[in-house]
Amino acid sequence: MNILHSKKFRYGSLSLSLTIVLIAAVILFNAIIGALARRYGWYSDMTPQRLYTLSDEAKTYLDTMDTDKEVEIIFCTPADTMEATAGARDVLETARDIERRYPNVKRRHVDILTNPTAVAAYKAKSRENITSQSVIVASGTECRVYTLGALFSYGSSSEIVGYNGEQRLVSAILAVTQDEKPLACVTTGHGEAEGLLQNTGLLATMEEMGFDVQNIDLKHEEIPEKCRLIVIFDPQTDFLSRSTVQDIAEIPKLDAFLQKSKSLMVFFDNETPKLQNLEDFLSKWGIAISRDGDAAYLIEDKAHSFTANGYTNVAEYVTTGLGGSMTEKLWKNISYPKSVVFPYVSAIATPDSYEKLHEDEEGAAENDYRYYYFKNGITRYAYDVFLSSGDATAMANGRAVTGADSPYVYMRVTTEPQDESAAYVLACASTDFASAAATEGGYGNHAVLSYAFAVMSREVVPVSLDTKYYTATEISSITSRAANQYTVVFAVIPAAVIFIAGIYVMVRRKYR
């Protein structure tokens, strides 16, 4: 009998042909779907953290955007390069999702290496150095510039642990499209201008929050009515408390400003000289600079510092009261609580006019206090935001300060209820807390400033979108040997199953 005309050969040929056709169809289908996905940006977000999909909260914020204003998200790297780069791909997918949902938002890629002039205007506007790692969000004459690295969160060993791209992009879009910017004024005339110009981290965060930032000389200028926030950054000379010429009395202007339910931020450090008038004013708001004589404290904490000298200190969160509520989204994450650093930090003391009360909230720690002030019908409450560890030491005049007990207060916020609103004063004992290195280095500093700006100025630009933390999986951390074993297993088992099934079918047919 000719085998070519046998029933077994016909059945076998038909089975082989069907198998070949099926495999070819699957390969062709995958190729077509892959090409269409690359062409139209199709994807299915199967990550447990929904990294590539806008959260409902983000969509709620973006739904308030003025859709009559065109927005561009400009990447300074080609799309195919970002596709092939871990991390950059996450940012690209977030931008694609925003672009799909909001027709007024467009995405554009510029190869800055071959066409550097394409982004020159944004460099001049933002005062930022634009590189191939830059992301620009622009609308009209407004723009915000970030580095790709600033869109991620980092652990204590500088490894990437989470993704902040959604928060940064959404905040930037709302900031560049808002109709009327809230005004923030930065004081000048006390030696503070040079320090602030070098401190691009603070200015960048204020502008990201949507503020129109302008300088003000309180000696000769009145505070604009629409100003919501005044920032005093690293002053080197004192403010005038009274004068025979009324318009150069600065402290009364600050006092009157705060009585309108406005806010004040003050940044100082261990090199801040004695400023009697300003410090007397701040003491009425529960804030005193810790000093040994005229020398401000410098807190050393080698056990809780990112530098060997013990002067880049990791702070401890206060989790109760107003201070705790401002930073709640940072310290409540158990897996990756964000480190907040205070480089070259001094300390904040409590004036005698304030009564110390322990917080009775559930979960309050031993050192969780608020401070109460009542005088002449004025009631104020001061809350610690960040403290040192119990191992910290206060240094002044080149030696340890005797009788100074840790923990020390690094940041404090005071509020005065006023009718249906409130005034706020926040003091930070480190000017480097708001530096570019601290706010862009993956620490929680940027988020703390953002939350503070939002609470104190009642700002509408969102800052509370959660970090999306990456979930570690077994497959991503196995060794090469184990990976090879998995490959063999997954290649052999399916083939063996098919072979055994084929033998079973043949035997059944033979004896049927």
Protein backbone atom coordinates (compact mmCIF):
# COMPACT_ATOMS: atom_id res chain seq x y z
CA MET A 1 0.00 0.00 0.00
CA ASN A 2 1.35 3.42 -1.00
CA ILE A 3 1.93 5.40 2.24
CA LEU A 4 1.19 8.67 0.45
CA HIS A 5 -2.39 7.49 -0.14
CA SER A 6 -2.92 6.02 3.30
CA LYS A 7 -5.52 7.34 5.71
CA LYS A 8 -2.86 8.05 8.37
CA PHE A 9 -0.82 10.18 5.96
CA ARG A 10 -3.90 12.15 4.87
CA TYR A 11 -4.92 12.79 8.50
CA GLY A 12 -1.34 13.62 9.48
CA SER A 13 -0.90 16.00 6.56
CA LEU A 14 -4.15 17.73 7.36
CA SER A 15 -3.20 18.10 11.04
CA LEU A 16 0.24 19.44 10.12
CA SER A 17 -1.25 21.91 7.64
CA LEU A 18 -3.80 23.14 10.16
CA THR A 19 -1.06 23.53 12.78
CA ILE A 20 1.16 25.51 10.39
CA VAL A 21 -1.75 27.72 9.34
CA LEU A 22 -2.75 28.31 12.96
CA ILE A 23 0.79 29.22 14.02
CA ALA A 24 1.20 31.51 11.01
CA ALA A 25 -2.14 33.18 11.79
CA VAL A 26 -1.14 33.76 15.42
CA ILE A 27 2.22 35.25 14.37
CA LEU A 28 0.55 37.45 11.76
CA PHE A 29 -2.13 38.56 14.21
CA ASN A 30 0.49 39.47 16.84
CA ALA A 31 2.50 41.38 14.24
CA ILE A 32 -0.55 43.35 13.10
CA ILE A 33 -1.68 44.14 16.66
CA GLY A 34 1.89 45.11 17.62
CA ALA A 35 2.17 47.47 14.66
CA LEU A 36 -1.21 49.05 15.39
CA ALA A 37 -0.34 49.38 19.08
CA ARG A 38 2.89 51.19 18.21
CA ARG A 39 1.10 53.37 15.65
CA TYR A 40 -1.88 54.36 17.83
CA GLY A 41 -0.47 53.89 21.32
CA TRP A 42 -2.73 50.97 22.25
CA TYR A 43 -1.95 49.28 25.54
CA SER A 44 -3.56 47.42 28.40
CA ASP A 45 -2.45 48.54 31.84
CA MET A 46 -2.06 45.26 33.76
CA THR A 47 0.26 46.66 36.44
CA PRO A 48 -1.17 46.22 39.96
CA GLN A 49 -0.49 49.91 40.69
CA ARG A 50 -2.23 51.09 37.45
CA LEU A 51 0.96 53.00 36.64
CA TYR A 52 -0.08 53.96 33.13
CA THR A 53 -3.70 54.86 33.83
CA LEU A 54 -4.79 58.21 35.23
CA SER A 55 -6.29 57.90 38.68
CA ASP A 56 -9.86 59.05 39.26
CA GLU A 57 -8.52 61.89 41.41
CA ALA A 58 -6.20 63.06 38.61
CA LYS A 59 -9.09 63.03 36.13
CA THR A 60 -11.22 65.03 38.57
CA TYR A 61 -8.53 67.72 38.71
CA LEU A 62 -7.99 67.77 34.94
CA ASP A 63 -11.73 68.02 34.34
CA THR A 64 -11.53 71.54 35.86
CA MET A 65 -8.98 72.60 33.24
CA ASP A 66 -9.83 75.36 30.78
CA THR A 67 -10.09 73.22 27.64
CA ASP A 68 -10.04 76.30 25.41
CA LYS A 69 -6.32 76.59 26.17
CA GLU A 70 -3.98 74.41 24.14
CA VAL A 71 -1.38 72.50 26.17
CA GLU A 72 1.78 70.80 24.94
CA ILE A 73 3.71 68.10 26.77
CA ILE A 74 7.13 68.26 25.14
CA PHE A 75 9.70 65.50 25.56
CA CYS A 76 13.27 66.27 24.58
CA THR A 77 13.87 62.64 23.57
CA PRO A 78 12.41 60.69 20.62
CA ALA A 79 9.43 58.48 21.43
CA ASP A 80 11.14 55.22 20.40
CA THR A 81 14.02 55.98 22.77
CA MET A 82 11.61 56.54 25.64
CA GLU A 83 9.73 53.36 24.72
CA ALA A 84 12.93 51.37 25.14
CA THR A 85 13.93 53.01 28.44
CA ALA A 86 12.61 51.80 31.78
CA GLY A 87 11.09 54.67 33.74
CA ALA A 88 10.88 57.01 30.76
CA ARG A 89 8.26 54.69 29.30
CA ASP A 90 6.07 55.23 32.40
CA VAL A 91 6.11 59.00 31.87
CA LEU A 92 5.38 58.55 28.17
CA GLU A 93 2.34 56.36 28.88
CA THR A 94 0.94 58.88 31.39
CA ALA A 95 1.30 61.63 28.78
CA ARG A 96 -0.40 59.44 26.19
CA ASP A 97 -3.31 58.75 28.53
CA ILE A 98 -3.77 62.48 29.18
CA GLU A 99 -3.57 63.18 25.43
CA ARG A 100 -6.22 60.55 24.66
CA ARG A 101 -8.67 61.89 27.25
CA TYR A 102 -8.22 65.65 26.69
CA PRO A 103 -8.22 66.91 23.08
CA ASN A 104 -6.59 70.24 24.02
CA VAL A 105 -3.49 68.44 25.30
CA LYS A 106 -0.96 67.40 22.66
CA ARG A 107 2.29 65.48 23.01
CA ARG A 108 5.39 66.40 21.03
CA HIS A 109 8.91 64.96 20.86
CA VAL A 110 11.97 67.07 20.12
CA ASP A 111 15.43 65.62 19.59
CA ILE A 112 17.33 68.28 21.49
CA LEU A 113 20.67 66.83 20.40
CA THR A 114 19.97 67.62 16.74
CA ASN A 115 17.58 70.56 17.21
CA PRO A 116 18.49 72.47 20.40
CA THR A 117 16.86 75.72 19.25
CA ALA A 118 13.40 74.10 19.35
CA VAL A 119 13.24 74.57 23.13
CA ALA A 120 15.34 77.71 23.53
CA ALA A 121 12.31 79.84 24.37
CA TYR A 122 11.34 77.55 27.25
CA LYS A 123 14.86 77.68 28.65
CA ALA A 124 14.72 81.47 28.79
CA LYS A 125 11.23 81.50 30.29
CA SER A 126 11.82 78.86 32.97
CA ARG A 127 15.43 79.70 33.84
CA GLU A 128 16.04 75.94 33.78
CA ASN A 129 18.79 74.08 31.96
CA ILE A 130 17.00 71.98 29.35
CA THR A 131 18.59 68.65 28.39
CA SER A 132 17.52 65.42 26.70
CA GLN A 133 16.10 64.39 30.08
CA SER A 134 13.75 67.39 30.30
CA VAL A 135 9.95 67.35 30.17
CA ILE A 136 8.22 70.64 29.30
CA VAL A 137 4.55 71.43 29.92
CA ALA A 138 3.56 74.61 28.08
CA SER A 139 0.48 76.68 27.30
CA GLY A 140 0.78 80.07 25.65
CA THR A 141 3.59 81.96 27.37
CA GLU A 142 3.50 79.76 30.48
CA CYS A 143 5.64 76.67 30.95
CA ARG A 144 6.94 74.27 33.57
CA VAL A 145 10.16 72.28 33.14
CA TYR A 146 11.11 69.06 34.94
CA THR A 147 13.80 66.45 34.63
CA LEU A 148 12.64 62.88 34.14
CA GLY A 149 14.32 61.98 37.43
CA ALA A 150 12.13 64.46 39.30
CA LEU A 151 9.06 62.41 38.34
CA PHE A 152 10.07 59.48 40.54
CA SER A 153 10.44 58.73 44.25
CA TYR A 154 13.62 57.27 45.67
CA GLY A 155 14.42 55.07 48.62
CA SER A 156 17.14 55.57 51.22
CA SER A 157 19.70 53.90 48.91
CA SER A 158 18.74 56.18 46.00
CA GLU A 159 16.89 53.37 44.21
CA ILE A 160 13.63 54.22 42.45
CA VAL A 161 10.67 53.02 44.53
CA GLY A 162 7.74 54.96 43.14
CA TYR A 163 6.33 57.10 40.35
CA ASN A 164 5.31 60.76 40.79
CA GLY A 165 4.78 61.58 37.14
CA GLU A 166 1.01 61.83 37.41
CA GLN A 167 1.22 64.41 40.20
CA ARG A 168 3.84 66.53 38.44
CA LEU A 169 2.18 66.51 35.02
CA VAL A 170 -1.34 67.21 36.30
CA SER A 171 -0.11 70.03 38.57
CA ALA A 172 1.86 71.56 35.71
CA ILE A 173 -1.08 71.43 33.30
CA LEU A 174 -3.38 73.19 35.76
CA ALA A 175 -0.69 75.73 36.64
CA VAL A 176 -0.11 76.80 33.02
CA THR A 177 -3.82 76.99 32.18
CA GLN A 178 -5.26 78.80 35.20
CA ASP A 179 -6.83 82.17 34.45
CA GLU A 180 -5.66 84.19 37.44
CA LYS A 181 -2.51 83.31 39.31
CA PRO A 182 -2.36 83.76 43.08
CA LEU A 183 0.35 86.22 44.09
CA ALA A 184 3.23 85.37 46.41
CA CYS A 185 5.69 88.06 47.49
CA VAL A 186 9.31 87.43 48.49
CA THR A 187 10.88 90.06 50.73
CA THR A 188 14.04 91.89 49.70
CA GLY A 189 16.26 94.49 51.33
CA HIS A 190 17.61 92.30 54.17
CA GLY A 191 20.37 90.42 52.37
CA GLU A 192 17.96 87.64 51.43
CA ALA A 193 17.81 88.18 47.66
CA GLU A 194 21.11 86.49 46.82
CA GLY A 195 20.23 83.39 48.85
CA LEU A 196 16.85 83.06 47.19
CA LEU A 197 18.21 83.49 43.68
CA GLN A 198 20.58 80.59 44.35
CA ASN A 199 17.73 78.57 45.83
CA THR A 200 16.02 77.59 42.60
CA GLY A 201 14.21 74.71 44.30
CA LEU A 202 11.94 77.03 46.29
CA LEU A 203 11.16 79.31 43.35
CA ALA A 204 10.53 76.34 41.05
CA THR A 205 8.11 74.79 43.53
CA MET A 206 6.23 78.08 44.00
CA GLU A 207 5.90 78.53 40.25
CA GLU A 208 4.85 74.90 39.82
CA MET A 209 2.09 75.54 42.33
CA GLY A 210 0.83 78.28 40.04
CA PHE A 211 2.03 81.33 41.98
CA ASP A 212 2.94 84.57 40.34
CA VAL A 213 6.09 85.36 42.34
CA GLN A 214 7.35 88.89 42.77
CA ASN A 215 9.80 90.65 45.08
CA ILE A 216 8.65 93.22 47.62
CA ASP A 217 10.58 95.81 49.62
CA LEU A 218 8.45 96.38 52.70
CA LYS A 219 10.37 99.53 53.58
CA HIS A 220 9.00 101.34 50.57
CA GLU A 221 6.17 99.23 49.13
CA GLU A 222 2.73 98.27 50.31
CA ILE A 223 1.67 94.65 50.20
CA PRO A 224 -0.62 94.07 47.16
CA GLU A 225 -4.20 93.30 48.10
CA LYS A 226 -4.26 90.08 46.08
CA CYS A 227 -1.10 88.73 47.73
CA ARG A 228 -1.85 85.49 49.58
CA LEU A 229 1.60 84.56 50.83
CA ILE A 230 4.80 86.32 51.89
CA VAL A 231 8.10 84.43 52.02
CA ILE A 232 11.07 85.62 54.09
CA PHE A 233 14.08 83.59 52.99
CA ASP A 234 17.42 83.68 54.79
CA PRO A 235 17.39 87.32 56.02
CA GLN A 236 20.73 88.75 57.13
CA THR A 237 19.58 92.10 58.53
CA ASP A 238 16.61 92.95 60.73
CA PHE A 239 13.17 94.21 59.78
CA LEU A 240 12.09 97.65 60.98
CA SER A 241 9.45 97.54 63.72
CA ARG A 242 8.59 101.24 63.89
CA SER A 243 9.76 104.49 62.41
CA THR A 244 8.96 108.18 62.38
CA VAL A 245 8.33 107.64 58.67
CA GLN A 246 5.35 105.27 58.65
CA ASP A 247 5.89 103.72 55.24
CA ILE A 248 9.21 102.11 56.21
CA ALA A 249 7.87 100.26 59.27
CA GLU A 250 7.91 96.63 58.08
CA ILE A 251 6.74 94.61 61.08
CA PRO A 252 3.38 96.44 61.31
CA LYS A 253 2.81 95.68 57.62
CA LEU A 254 3.41 91.97 58.24
CA ASP A 255 1.10 92.04 61.26
CA ALA A 256 -1.70 93.76 59.32
CA PHE A 257 -1.23 91.32 56.43
CA LEU A 258 -1.70 88.29 58.69
CA GLN A 259 -4.82 89.79 60.24
CA LYS A 260 -6.46 89.42 56.82
CA SER A 261 -6.28 85.60 56.98
CA LYS A 262 -3.09 85.55 54.91
CA SER A 263 0.09 83.50 55.36
CA LEU A 264 3.81 83.91 56.02
CA MET A 265 6.74 81.51 55.52
CA VAL A 266 10.13 82.08 57.13
CA PHE A 267 13.33 80.16 56.33
CA PHE A 268 16.43 80.54 58.48
CA ASP A 269 19.47 78.42 59.43
CA ASN A 270 22.39 78.13 61.84
CA GLU A 271 24.12 81.15 60.27
CA THR A 272 21.16 83.51 60.70
CA PRO A 273 22.32 86.48 62.82
CA LYS A 274 20.34 87.85 65.73
CA LEU A 275 17.32 89.69 64.28
CA GLN A 276 15.65 91.21 67.31
CA ASN A 277 12.59 92.80 65.71
CA LEU A 278 11.74 89.88 63.44
CA GLU A 279 12.31 87.35 66.21
CA ASP A 280 10.12 89.30 68.62
CA PHE A 281 7.37 89.30 66.00
CA LEU A 282 7.73 85.54 65.33
CA SER A 283 7.71 84.75 69.06
CA LYS A 284 4.09 85.94 69.16
CA TRP A 285 3.42 83.20 66.63
CA GLY A 286 5.05 80.46 68.71
CA ILE A 287 8.37 80.55 66.87
CA ALA A 288 11.77 81.31 68.38
CA ILE A 289 15.21 80.60 66.93
CA SER A 290 17.11 78.29 69.31
CA ARG A 291 20.29 80.10 70.32
CA ASP A 292 23.25 79.82 72.64
CA GLY A 293 23.83 83.49 73.27
CA ASP A 294 23.50 85.06 69.83
CA ALA A 295 24.63 81.92 67.98
CA ALA A 296 21.88 79.81 66.42
CA TYR A 297 22.01 76.06 66.97
CA LEU A 298 23.41 73.70 64.34
CA ILE A 299 21.95 70.23 64.81
CA GLU A 300 24.32 67.28 64.41
CA ASP A 301 22.82 63.80 64.07
CA LYS A 302 25.33 61.34 62.63
CA ALA A 303 23.08 58.37 63.30
CA HIS A 304 20.31 59.84 61.13
CA SER A 305 22.15 61.73 58.41
CA PHE A 306 22.88 61.15 54.74
CA THR A 307 26.36 62.63 55.17
CA ALA A 308 29.23 61.52 57.41
CA ASN A 309 29.46 64.90 59.14
CA GLY A 310 25.93 64.50 60.51
CA TYR A 311 24.56 67.71 59.00
CA THR A 312 22.12 66.39 56.35
CA ASN A 313 19.57 65.09 58.78
CA VAL A 314 16.59 62.84 58.15
CA ALA A 315 13.63 64.25 60.09
CA GLU A 316 10.97 62.43 62.03
CA TYR A 317 7.34 63.09 61.15
CA VAL A 318 4.86 64.46 63.65
CA THR A 319 1.69 62.52 62.88
CA THR A 320 -0.91 64.50 64.83
CA GLY A 321 -2.49 67.94 64.69
CA LEU A 322 -2.14 70.35 61.79
CA GLY A 323 1.50 69.37 61.25
CA GLY A 324 0.59 65.72 60.83
CA SER A 325 -2.33 66.45 58.51
CA MET A 326 -0.11 68.53 56.21
CA THR A 327 2.23 65.58 55.58
CA GLU A 328 -0.24 62.72 55.99
CA LYS A 329 0.15 61.38 52.47
CA LEU A 330 3.89 60.94 53.05
CA TRP A 331 4.09 59.25 56.43
CA LYS A 332 0.98 57.10 56.04
CA ASN A 333 2.63 54.98 53.35
CA ILE A 334 3.99 52.09 55.37
CA SER A 335 5.99 50.46 52.56
CA TYR A 336 7.98 53.51 51.52
CA PRO A 337 7.62 56.49 53.88
CA LYS A 338 9.42 59.31 52.14
CA SER A 339 12.58 60.62 53.74
CA VAL A 340 12.49 64.36 54.42
CA VAL A 341 15.93 65.94 54.84
CA PHE A 342 17.03 69.12 56.60
CA PRO A 343 20.61 70.00 55.59
CA TYR A 344 22.52 72.27 57.99
CA VAL A 345 19.46 72.69 60.15
CA SER A 346 19.04 74.88 63.21
CA ALA A 347 16.13 74.47 65.64
CA ILE A 348 12.91 76.16 66.68
CA ALA A 349 12.23 76.87 70.35
CA THR A 350 8.90 77.60 72.05
CA PRO A 351 8.40 81.09 73.54
CA ASP A 352 7.38 81.31 77.20
CA SER A 353 4.07 82.88 76.18
CA TYR A 354 2.90 79.54 74.75
CA GLU A 355 1.53 76.73 76.88
CA LYS A 356 2.70 73.23 75.96
CA LEU A 357 -0.09 70.67 75.59
CA HIS A 358 0.36 67.01 74.66
CA GLU A 359 -1.73 65.80 71.74
CA ASP A 360 -4.38 63.35 72.91
CA GLU A 361 -5.13 61.99 69.46
CA GLU A 362 -5.05 58.26 68.88
CA GLY A 363 -1.55 57.17 67.90
CA ALA A 364 0.09 60.30 69.30
CA ALA A 365 3.76 59.75 70.17
CA GLU A 366 5.49 60.87 73.32
CA ASN A 367 6.83 63.98 71.61
CA ASP A 368 3.63 65.04 69.83
CA TYR A 369 2.68 68.43 71.24
CA ARG A 370 0.76 71.51 70.27
CA TYR A 371 1.24 74.92 71.83
CA TYR A 372 -1.51 77.28 72.92
CA TYR A 373 -1.47 81.09 73.09
CA PHE A 374 -4.20 83.43 74.28
CA LYS A 375 -3.68 87.15 74.84
CA ASN A 376 -5.76 90.27 74.21
CA GLY A 377 -8.52 88.17 72.69
CA ILE A 378 -6.15 86.50 70.20
CA THR A 379 -5.93 82.70 70.17
CA ARG A 380 -3.15 80.88 68.31
CA TYR A 381 -2.13 77.24 68.07
CA ALA A 382 1.38 76.13 67.13
CA TYR A 383 2.05 72.61 65.81
CA ASP A 384 5.34 70.86 65.15
CA VAL A 385 5.69 69.38 61.67
CA PHE A 386 9.14 67.74 61.81
CA LEU A 387 11.49 66.85 64.68
CA SER A 388 15.04 65.56 65.02
CA SER A 389 15.72 62.09 66.32
CA GLY A 390 16.47 61.62 70.01
CA ASP A 391 20.16 61.13 69.15
CA ALA A 392 20.69 64.66 67.83
CA THR A 393 23.08 67.13 69.43
CA ALA A 394 22.88 70.93 69.34
CA MET A 395 26.12 72.68 68.38
CA ALA A 396 26.87 76.40 68.79
CA ASN A 397 30.06 78.43 69.06
CA GLY A 398 32.05 75.35 68.03
CA ARG A 399 30.88 73.09 70.88
CA ALA A 400 27.93 71.05 72.06
CA VAL A 401 25.32 73.10 73.88
CA THR A 402 25.00 71.98 77.48
CA GLY A 403 21.48 71.47 78.79
CA ALA A 404 19.90 71.32 75.31
CA ASP A 405 17.71 68.24 75.08
CA SER A 406 16.65 66.57 71.85
CA PRO A 407 14.46 66.08 69.93
CA TYR A 408 14.70 69.47 68.28
CA VAL A 409 11.98 71.12 66.21
CA TYR A 410 12.92 71.50 62.54
CA MET A 411 9.61 72.87 61.22
CA ARG A 412 6.57 74.40 62.92
CA VAL A 413 3.28 75.88 61.71
CA THR A 414 1.08 78.25 63.72
CA THR A 415 -2.50 79.16 62.95
CA GLU A 416 -4.82 81.87 64.22
CA PRO A 417 -8.55 81.28 63.59
CA GLN A 418 -10.16 84.40 62.14
CA ASP A 419 -13.91 84.51 61.53
CA GLU A 420 -14.51 81.94 58.78
CA SER A 421 -10.85 81.54 57.81
CA ALA A 422 -7.39 81.56 59.44
CA ALA A 423 -3.89 83.03 59.23
CA TYR A 424 -0.81 80.82 59.07
CA VAL A 425 2.88 81.24 59.85
CA LEU A 426 5.33 78.46 58.99
CA ALA A 427 8.97 78.43 60.04
CA CYS A 428 11.66 76.13 58.63
CA ALA A 429 15.04 75.97 60.38
CA SER A 430 16.98 75.07 57.22
CA THR A 431 17.36 77.18 54.10
CA ASP A 432 18.84 74.18 52.24
CA PHE A 433 15.59 72.32 52.91
CA ALA A 434 14.19 74.10 49.86
CA SER A 435 17.29 73.83 47.66
CA ALA A 436 17.13 72.25 44.22
CA ALA A 437 19.16 69.28 45.47
CA ALA A 438 16.63 68.61 48.24
CA THR A 439 13.44 69.25 46.27
CA GLU A 440 14.50 67.36 43.14
CA GLY A 441 16.50 64.57 44.74
CA GLY A 442 13.60 62.22 45.37
CA TYR A 443 13.14 63.20 49.01
CA GLY A 444 9.81 64.29 50.42
CA ASN A 445 10.88 67.95 50.59
CA HIS A 446 9.11 68.96 47.39
CA ALA A 447 5.87 67.37 48.56
CA VAL A 448 6.11 69.03 52.00
CA LEU A 449 6.50 72.47 50.42
CA SER A 450 3.64 71.76 48.04
CA TYR A 451 1.31 70.65 50.83
CA ALA A 452 2.27 73.69 52.91
CA PHE A 453 1.65 76.08 50.00
CA ALA A 454 -1.73 74.45 49.37
CA VAL A 455 -2.88 74.64 53.00
CA MET A 456 -1.58 78.12 53.72
CA SER A 457 -2.65 79.81 50.50
CA ARG A 458 -5.78 77.77 49.78
CA GLU A 459 -4.34 77.15 46.36
CA VAL A 460 -6.33 75.24 43.74
CA VAL A 461 -3.45 73.55 41.93
CA PRO A 462 -3.46 69.90 43.07
CA VAL A 463 -0.61 68.58 45.16
CA SER A 464 -2.20 65.59 46.84
CA LEU A 465 -2.03 62.92 44.12
CA ASP A 466 -0.52 59.79 45.61
CA THR A 467 2.83 58.37 44.62
CA LYS A 468 2.40 55.09 42.74
CA TYR A 469 4.85 52.72 44.36
CA TYR A 470 6.40 49.93 42.34
CA THR A 471 5.62 46.43 43.53
CA ALA A 472 8.57 44.06 43.68
CA THR A 473 7.92 40.65 42.10
CA GLU A 474 9.77 37.37 42.30
CA ILE A 475 10.38 37.15 38.57
CA SER A 476 12.21 40.51 38.51
CA SER A 477 14.72 39.51 41.15
CA ILE A 478 15.64 35.90 40.22
CA THR A 479 19.17 34.90 39.27
CA SER A 480 20.26 34.10 35.70
CA ARG A 481 20.51 30.40 36.59
CA ALA A 482 16.95 30.38 37.90
CA ALA A 483 15.74 32.28 34.85
CA ASN A 484 17.30 29.63 32.57
CA GLN A 485 15.59 26.91 34.58
CA TYR A 486 12.22 28.65 34.20
CA THR A 487 12.82 28.97 30.45
CA VAL A 488 13.54 25.25 30.09
CA VAL A 489 10.51 24.30 32.17
CA PHE A 490 8.11 26.51 30.25
CA ALA A 491 9.51 25.32 26.92
CA VAL A 492 9.55 21.59 27.70
CA ILE A 493 6.27 21.15 29.61
CA PRO A 494 3.91 22.48 26.90
CA ALA A 495 5.72 20.39 24.26
CA ALA A 496 5.54 17.29 26.46
CA VAL A 497 1.83 17.81 27.08
CA ILE A 498 1.16 18.10 23.35
CA PHE A 499 3.31 14.99 22.60
CA ILE A 500 1.53 12.89 25.25
CA ALA A 501 -1.86 14.06 24.00
CA GLY A 502 -0.87 13.09 20.44
CA ILE A 503 0.21 9.60 21.52
CA TYR A 504 -3.07 9.17 23.40
CA VAL A 505 -5.12 10.15 20.33
CA MET A 506 -3.16 7.83 18.07
CA VAL A 507 -3.57 4.88 20.42
CA ARG A 508 -7.30 5.52 20.78
CA ARG A 509 -7.71 5.66 17.00
CA LYS A 510 -5.69 2.47 16.46
CA TYR A 511 -7.87 0.42 18.77
CA ARG A 512 -11.17 2.08 17.91
